Amino acid sequence: MAARIGVVGIGWWAVTMHIPTLQDCDGVEVAALCDLDEERLRVAGERFGIAARHRDLDRMLAEERLDGLVVATPHVAHAGPAVAGLEAGAHVLVEKPMATSAQDARAIAEAAARTGRQVMVPTGLNFTKAAGQARAWLRDGRLGEVRHVVCQMGSPLDDLMAGRPMAETADHLFRPPPSTWADPARAGGYGWGQLSHALAWVAYVTDLGLDRMACLDGKSPTGVDYYDAGMGRFTNGATLALSGASTVPKHVGMHTDVRIYGTDGMLVFSNLPARLELRRHDGRDAALPMTDFEGLYDGALPVRAFARLCRGERVENASDALNGLRVTAALDALYRSAASGRIEPTGVA
């Protein structure tokens, strides 16, 4: 019998990535859709051949007997559906950022622990061969103790963060709304929208959380962060230098560059051009052969992993509830620091 998966929040990414990817996976069925907007439900349901359409999440969870729930609601509305899905016995894929406050992220993580269900946050770089290899090197002690991390990310999203339609989505069924991406009162901005990817990669590879964060930012015309210059201290005492920028040219694409410095050497990762290298003081270096095609961002990787999870298979959950909590707490502190001008605690040990 196919695993039954429901989707709540029928917007741009749900119809562009989640639903078509899941329908392309063996052994799963997109069984039901849920959204407050009846017209969006009708359009998406007809496009993808999904008859069960709900405007009430509790009713959907009660009636549909789901093995998995995809939460693709706006950033500020992740916590309630995620916790409800977990308590209904479903594994939950909740879009990044997992939440927009440390309190909400902690509630999701606690619900996952309480119910024995898994949370997966679809930060695609975490599910690549490069991320797995980097994590293995650190787990094996090849880098020694992590002492400093430099993380820089840039994305071609100046239009979206400025409240304009995202140019490359002109022919899409739905388009990403400014209310999610360009409204400072609704967790718009580059940190929540994109640095959540880079911080998730760092958290997965190092298995470290951040204790405190500081930030200076530059604003878009709508008042969200176009640019972020952050610094932080991990719970083991290591330091972080963090940088983000929204105004990469469209033809260049998203790039993430990370350097991790340890007591025995350094690790270098870049997705554009694709590169993963371990350089050690004793000369016992290592590198993962990669093509630039392998460095391109693939949002389907975590969705396929979620399908396997819902089928009952063992999967490496490279962006789980703890990862989501660490990322959310770091970004929560980052935004509080940009507003206060002070170094802010994350509140997550």
Protein backbone atom coordinates (compact mmCIF):
# COMPACT_ATOMS: atom_id res chain seq x y z
CA MET A 1 0.00 0.00 0.00
CA ALA A 2 1.33 3.45 -0.92
CA ALA A 3 2.27 5.88 1.83
CA ARG A 4 -0.29 8.68 2.05
CA ILE A 5 1.07 12.23 2.14
CA GLY A 6 -0.88 15.46 2.55
CA VAL A 7 0.23 18.98 1.69
CA VAL A 8 -0.83 22.10 3.62
CA GLY A 9 -0.09 25.49 2.08
CA ILE A 10 -0.76 25.30 -1.66
CA GLY A 11 1.52 28.02 -2.96
CA TRP A 12 4.39 28.47 -5.38
CA TRP A 13 6.87 25.93 -4.00
CA ALA A 14 4.22 23.33 -3.19
CA VAL A 15 3.06 23.17 -6.81
CA THR A 16 6.51 23.74 -8.32
CA MET A 17 8.49 21.25 -6.21
CA HIS A 18 6.69 19.28 -3.50
CA ILE A 19 3.64 17.87 -5.28
CA PRO A 20 5.22 17.00 -8.65
CA THR A 21 8.30 15.46 -6.99
CA LEU A 22 6.20 13.32 -4.65
CA GLN A 23 3.97 12.20 -7.52
CA ASP A 24 7.10 11.07 -9.34
CA CYS A 25 8.17 8.86 -6.40
CA ASP A 26 7.26 5.19 -6.22
CA GLY A 27 5.23 3.97 -3.28
CA VAL A 28 3.68 7.27 -2.20
CA GLU A 29 0.44 9.06 -2.96
CA VAL A 30 -0.31 12.75 -2.56
CA ALA A 31 -3.62 11.99 -0.92
CA ALA A 32 -4.95 15.39 0.11
CA LEU A 33 -4.41 19.13 -0.11
CA CYS A 34 -5.21 21.82 2.44
CA ASP A 35 -5.32 25.59 2.05
CA LEU A 36 -7.46 28.48 3.24
CA ASP A 37 -7.98 29.64 -0.35
CA GLU A 38 -10.65 27.55 -2.08
CA GLU A 39 -9.65 28.70 -5.57
CA ARG A 40 -6.04 27.69 -5.08
CA LEU A 41 -7.22 24.30 -3.89
CA ARG A 42 -9.37 23.90 -6.98
CA VAL A 43 -6.64 24.94 -9.41
CA ALA A 44 -3.95 22.75 -7.83
CA GLY A 45 -6.29 19.82 -7.28
CA GLU A 46 -7.34 19.80 -10.90
CA ARG A 47 -3.79 20.28 -12.18
CA PHE A 48 -2.44 17.31 -10.19
CA GLY A 49 -5.53 15.11 -10.06
CA ILE A 50 -6.02 15.27 -6.28
CA ALA A 51 -9.65 15.02 -5.28
CA ALA A 52 -9.39 15.36 -1.48
CA ARG A 53 -9.24 19.09 -0.77
CA HIS A 54 -9.62 20.63 2.66
CA ARG A 55 -9.75 24.11 4.13
CA ASP A 56 -9.37 22.84 7.69
CA LEU A 57 -6.12 21.08 8.65
CA ASP A 58 -7.52 19.30 11.70
CA ARG A 59 -10.26 17.80 9.57
CA MET A 60 -7.77 16.67 6.93
CA LEU A 61 -5.57 15.02 9.54
CA ALA A 62 -8.57 13.30 11.13
CA GLU A 63 -10.08 12.02 7.88
CA GLU A 64 -7.13 11.18 5.64
CA ARG A 65 -4.92 8.89 7.84
CA LEU A 66 -1.68 10.39 6.58
CA ASP A 67 1.78 8.88 6.85
CA GLY A 68 3.39 12.22 6.01
CA LEU A 69 2.53 15.91 5.95
CA VAL A 70 4.26 18.61 3.92
CA VAL A 71 4.01 22.05 5.55
CA ALA A 72 4.47 24.72 2.87
CA THR A 73 2.57 27.55 4.53
CA PRO A 74 4.14 31.05 4.85
CA HIS A 75 7.24 31.21 7.08
CA VAL A 76 5.37 32.59 10.08
CA ALA A 77 2.75 29.82 9.96
CA HIS A 78 4.90 26.68 10.16
CA ALA A 79 4.71 25.75 13.83
CA GLY A 80 0.99 25.03 14.26
CA PRO A 81 0.61 22.71 11.24
CA ALA A 82 3.92 20.97 11.95
CA VAL A 83 3.00 20.16 15.55
CA ALA A 84 -0.52 19.09 14.49
CA GLY A 85 0.89 16.75 11.84
CA LEU A 86 3.31 15.14 14.28
CA GLU A 87 0.60 14.66 16.90
CA ALA A 88 -1.59 13.01 14.25
CA GLY A 89 1.16 10.41 13.76
CA ALA A 90 2.65 11.72 10.52
CA HIS A 91 6.24 12.44 9.65
CA VAL A 92 6.49 16.12 8.74
CA LEU A 93 8.46 17.89 6.04
CA VAL A 94 8.32 21.56 7.04
CA GLU A 95 9.72 24.15 4.69
CA LYS A 96 12.68 26.23 5.74
CA PRO A 97 12.99 28.05 7.99
CA MET A 98 11.48 25.42 10.29
CA ALA A 99 10.04 28.30 12.35
CA THR A 100 10.61 32.01 12.86
CA SER A 101 11.20 32.01 16.60
CA ALA A 102 13.26 29.78 18.84
CA GLN A 103 10.14 29.17 20.92
CA ASP A 104 8.18 27.80 17.94
CA ALA A 105 11.14 25.72 16.75
CA ARG A 106 11.50 24.21 20.21
CA ALA A 107 7.79 23.32 20.19
CA ILE A 108 8.21 21.44 16.90
CA ALA A 109 11.32 19.61 18.11
CA GLU A 110 9.62 18.64 21.36
CA ALA A 111 6.56 17.36 19.46
CA ALA A 112 8.82 15.21 17.27
CA ALA A 113 10.51 13.71 20.33
CA ARG A 114 7.19 13.16 22.09
CA THR A 115 5.49 11.43 19.15
CA GLY A 116 8.44 9.47 17.78
CA ARG A 117 7.88 10.98 14.34
CA GLN A 118 10.55 12.69 12.27
CA VAL A 119 10.77 16.29 11.09
CA MET A 120 12.65 17.00 7.87
CA VAL A 121 13.51 20.53 6.72
CA PRO A 122 14.20 20.55 2.95
CA THR A 123 17.53 22.37 2.87
CA GLY A 124 18.74 20.67 -0.28
CA LEU A 125 22.50 21.10 0.12
CA ASN A 126 22.38 18.95 3.26
CA PHE A 127 21.21 15.95 1.24
CA THR A 128 24.09 15.95 -1.23
CA LYS A 129 27.07 13.61 -1.43
CA ALA A 130 29.34 16.54 -0.53
CA ALA A 131 27.53 17.25 2.74
CA GLY A 132 27.65 13.58 3.71
CA GLN A 133 31.38 13.36 2.99
CA ALA A 134 32.17 16.58 4.86
CA ARG A 135 30.22 15.38 7.90
CA ALA A 136 32.01 12.01 7.78
CA TRP A 137 35.43 13.68 7.75
CA LEU A 138 34.53 15.74 10.82
CA ARG A 139 32.97 12.78 12.62
CA ASP A 140 36.14 10.78 11.99
CA GLY A 141 38.24 13.53 13.57
CA ARG A 142 40.04 14.39 10.34
CA LEU A 143 39.74 18.13 11.06
CA GLY A 144 40.38 17.97 14.79
CA GLU A 145 38.31 20.35 16.90
CA VAL A 146 36.36 23.00 14.99
CA ARG A 147 37.65 26.47 15.92
CA HIS A 148 36.35 28.87 13.23
CA VAL A 149 33.79 28.82 10.39
CA VAL A 150 33.44 31.24 7.49
CA CYS A 151 30.12 30.95 5.62
CA GLN A 152 29.08 33.13 2.68
CA MET A 153 25.95 32.82 0.56
CA GLY A 154 24.51 34.84 -2.32
CA SER A 155 21.26 34.48 -4.27
CA PRO A 156 19.66 36.16 -7.32
CA LEU A 157 16.59 37.36 -5.41
CA ASP A 158 16.80 41.15 -5.40
CA ASP A 159 13.37 41.38 -7.07
CA LEU A 160 11.65 39.06 -4.60
CA MET A 161 13.16 40.70 -1.51
CA ALA A 162 12.16 44.12 -2.89
CA GLY A 163 8.51 43.12 -3.24
CA ARG A 164 8.56 42.67 -7.02
CA PRO A 165 7.50 39.49 -8.84
CA MET A 166 10.32 36.96 -9.11
CA ALA A 167 11.26 37.22 -12.80
CA GLU A 168 11.87 33.53 -13.45
CA THR A 169 8.41 32.53 -12.17
CA ALA A 170 6.39 34.45 -14.78
CA ASP A 171 5.03 31.25 -16.36
CA HIS A 172 4.51 29.30 -13.10
CA LEU A 173 1.11 28.16 -11.84
CA PHE A 174 1.51 30.31 -8.71
CA ARG A 175 4.20 32.87 -7.86
CA PRO A 176 6.00 33.52 -4.54
CA PRO A 177 4.11 36.27 -2.68
CA PRO A 178 5.72 39.48 -1.38
CA SER A 179 3.80 38.92 1.86
CA THR A 180 6.16 36.03 2.66
CA TRP A 181 9.45 37.28 1.23
CA ALA A 182 9.40 41.08 1.39
CA ASP A 183 7.43 41.92 4.54
CA PRO A 184 9.62 42.53 7.62
CA ALA A 185 6.62 41.85 9.87
CA ARG A 186 6.19 38.36 8.39
CA ALA A 187 9.76 37.06 8.49
CA GLY A 188 10.68 38.30 5.06
CA GLY A 189 14.30 38.86 4.14
CA TYR A 190 17.47 37.06 3.19
CA GLY A 191 18.25 35.51 6.56
CA TRP A 192 15.01 33.60 6.97
CA GLY A 193 14.61 32.96 3.25
CA GLN A 194 18.13 31.89 2.27
CA LEU A 195 20.75 31.89 5.05
CA SER A 196 18.61 29.15 6.59
CA HIS A 197 20.09 26.91 3.86
CA ALA A 198 23.71 27.79 4.60
CA LEU A 199 23.34 27.61 8.38
CA ALA A 200 21.65 24.21 8.05
CA TRP A 201 24.66 22.91 6.09
CA VAL A 202 27.08 24.18 8.73
CA ALA A 203 24.97 22.71 11.55
CA TYR A 204 24.74 19.32 9.83
CA VAL A 205 28.43 19.04 8.98
CA THR A 206 29.78 20.32 12.31
CA ASP A 207 26.98 19.04 14.57
CA LEU A 208 27.27 22.30 16.49
CA GLY A 209 24.73 24.89 17.57
CA LEU A 210 25.33 28.59 18.05
CA ASP A 211 25.30 30.18 21.50
CA ARG A 212 25.09 33.85 20.45
CA MET A 213 24.86 35.98 17.32
CA ALA A 214 25.44 39.55 16.18
CA CYS A 215 24.48 41.20 12.91
CA LEU A 216 24.61 44.35 10.81
CA ASP A 217 22.31 44.37 7.79
CA GLY A 218 21.43 46.36 4.68
CA LYS A 219 17.78 46.83 3.78
CA SER A 220 15.75 46.27 0.62
CA PRO A 221 13.22 48.91 -0.52
CA THR A 222 10.54 47.12 1.54
CA GLY A 223 12.66 47.10 4.70
CA VAL A 224 13.74 43.47 4.82
CA ASP A 225 17.40 42.45 4.88
CA TYR A 226 19.04 42.45 1.45
CA TYR A 227 22.47 41.93 3.04
CA ASP A 228 23.61 40.36 6.31
CA ALA A 229 27.01 40.62 7.99
CA GLY A 230 26.90 38.38 11.02
CA MET A 231 29.18 36.84 13.57
CA GLY A 232 28.59 34.20 16.17
CA ARG A 233 30.04 31.87 18.77
CA PHE A 234 29.27 28.16 18.75
CA THR A 235 28.53 26.26 21.93
CA ASN A 236 32.04 24.72 21.86
CA GLY A 237 33.63 28.21 21.78
CA ALA A 238 34.38 28.27 18.04
CA THR A 239 33.62 31.44 16.10
CA LEU A 240 31.51 32.10 12.98
CA ALA A 241 31.76 34.76 10.29
CA LEU A 242 28.51 34.82 8.27
CA SER A 243 27.64 36.77 5.13
CA GLY A 244 24.57 36.89 2.90
CA ALA A 245 23.57 38.88 -0.17
CA SER A 246 20.36 38.94 -2.23
CA THR A 247 21.60 40.79 -5.31
CA VAL A 248 23.50 38.15 -7.29
CA PRO A 249 22.87 38.51 -11.06
CA LYS A 250 20.14 36.17 -12.28
CA HIS A 251 22.41 34.39 -14.75
CA VAL A 252 24.93 33.51 -12.02
CA GLY A 253 22.67 31.67 -9.59
CA MET A 254 22.90 30.78 -5.91
CA HIS A 255 26.32 30.16 -4.43
CA THR A 256 27.38 28.93 -0.99
CA ASP A 257 30.99 28.94 0.20
CA VAL A 258 32.09 27.51 3.56
CA ARG A 259 35.49 27.18 5.17
CA ILE A 260 35.82 25.29 8.43
CA TYR A 261 39.09 25.69 10.34
CA GLY A 262 40.03 23.04 12.89
CA THR A 263 42.98 22.17 15.06
CA ASP A 264 44.27 19.70 12.43
CA GLY A 265 43.55 21.61 9.23
CA MET A 266 40.74 23.12 7.16
CA LEU A 267 37.76 22.05 5.05
CA VAL A 268 36.69 24.00 1.96
CA PHE A 269 33.25 23.68 0.33
CA SER A 270 31.74 25.55 -2.60
CA ASN A 271 28.76 24.64 -4.73
CA LEU A 272 29.65 27.10 -7.54
CA PRO A 273 32.18 26.06 -8.72
CA ALA A 274 31.69 22.66 -7.06
CA ARG A 275 34.50 21.86 -4.63
CA LEU A 276 35.00 19.88 -1.42
CA GLU A 277 38.53 19.57 -0.04
CA LEU A 278 40.14 18.63 3.25
CA ARG A 279 43.58 20.16 3.86
CA ARG A 280 45.53 18.89 6.88
CA HIS A 281 48.66 20.11 8.65
CA ASP A 282 50.27 16.68 8.18
CA GLY A 283 49.64 16.72 4.42
CA ARG A 284 47.14 13.84 4.50
CA ASP A 285 44.71 15.80 2.34
CA ALA A 286 41.55 14.52 0.71
CA ALA A 287 39.10 15.75 -1.91
CA LEU A 288 35.74 14.66 -3.26
CA PRO A 289 35.65 14.69 -7.07
CA MET A 290 32.71 16.86 -8.13
CA THR A 291 31.35 18.28 -11.36
CA ASP A 292 29.78 21.73 -11.42
CA PHE A 293 26.49 20.05 -12.30
CA GLU A 294 26.62 18.26 -8.93
CA GLY A 295 26.92 21.64 -7.24
CA LEU A 296 23.65 22.96 -8.66
CA TYR A 297 20.92 23.29 -6.06
CA ASP A 298 18.44 20.40 -6.22
CA GLY A 299 15.32 20.98 -4.14
CA ALA A 300 13.97 17.53 -5.01
CA LEU A 301 16.64 15.67 -2.98
CA PRO A 302 15.02 16.14 0.45
CA VAL A 303 11.51 15.61 -0.96
CA ARG A 304 12.56 12.23 -2.33
CA ALA A 305 14.18 11.38 1.00
CA PHE A 306 10.91 12.29 2.73
CA ALA A 307 9.00 9.97 0.40
CA ARG A 308 11.33 7.11 1.38
CA LEU A 309 10.89 7.97 5.05
CA CYS A 310 7.10 7.86 4.71
CA ARG A 311 7.40 4.47 2.97
CA GLY A 312 9.08 3.16 6.11
CA GLU A 313 12.65 3.09 4.80
CA ARG A 314 15.68 4.11 6.86
CA VAL A 315 17.01 7.41 5.57
CA GLU A 316 19.75 9.80 6.61
CA ASN A 317 17.73 12.77 7.82
CA ALA A 318 20.29 15.45 7.09
CA SER A 319 18.09 18.32 8.26
CA ASP A 320 16.12 17.06 11.24
CA ALA A 321 14.27 18.78 14.07
CA LEU A 322 17.47 19.51 16.03
CA ASN A 323 19.07 21.03 12.94
CA GLY A 324 15.96 23.11 12.35
CA LEU A 325 15.97 24.29 15.96
CA ARG A 326 19.64 25.28 15.79
CA VAL A 327 19.11 27.23 12.56
CA THR A 328 15.95 28.97 13.75
CA ALA A 329 17.50 29.96 17.07
CA ALA A 330 20.55 31.38 15.29
CA LEU A 331 18.43 33.42 12.88
CA ASP A 332 16.11 34.59 15.66
CA ALA A 333 19.16 35.97 17.48
CA LEU A 334 20.58 37.38 14.22
CA TYR A 335 17.46 39.48 13.60
CA ARG A 336 17.22 40.57 17.22
CA SER A 337 20.83 41.73 17.03
CA ALA A 338 20.26 43.70 13.80
CA ALA A 339 17.43 45.53 15.58
CA SER A 340 19.11 46.04 18.97
CA GLY A 341 22.73 46.57 17.98
CA ARG A 342 23.77 44.07 20.67
CA ILE A 343 25.11 40.53 20.68
CA GLU A 344 22.06 38.35 21.35
CA PRO A 345 21.83 34.87 22.89
CA THR A 346 20.20 32.07 20.93
CA GLY A 347 18.75 30.41 24.02
CA VAL A 348 19.63 26.97 22.66
CA ALA A 349 22.30 25.01 24.51
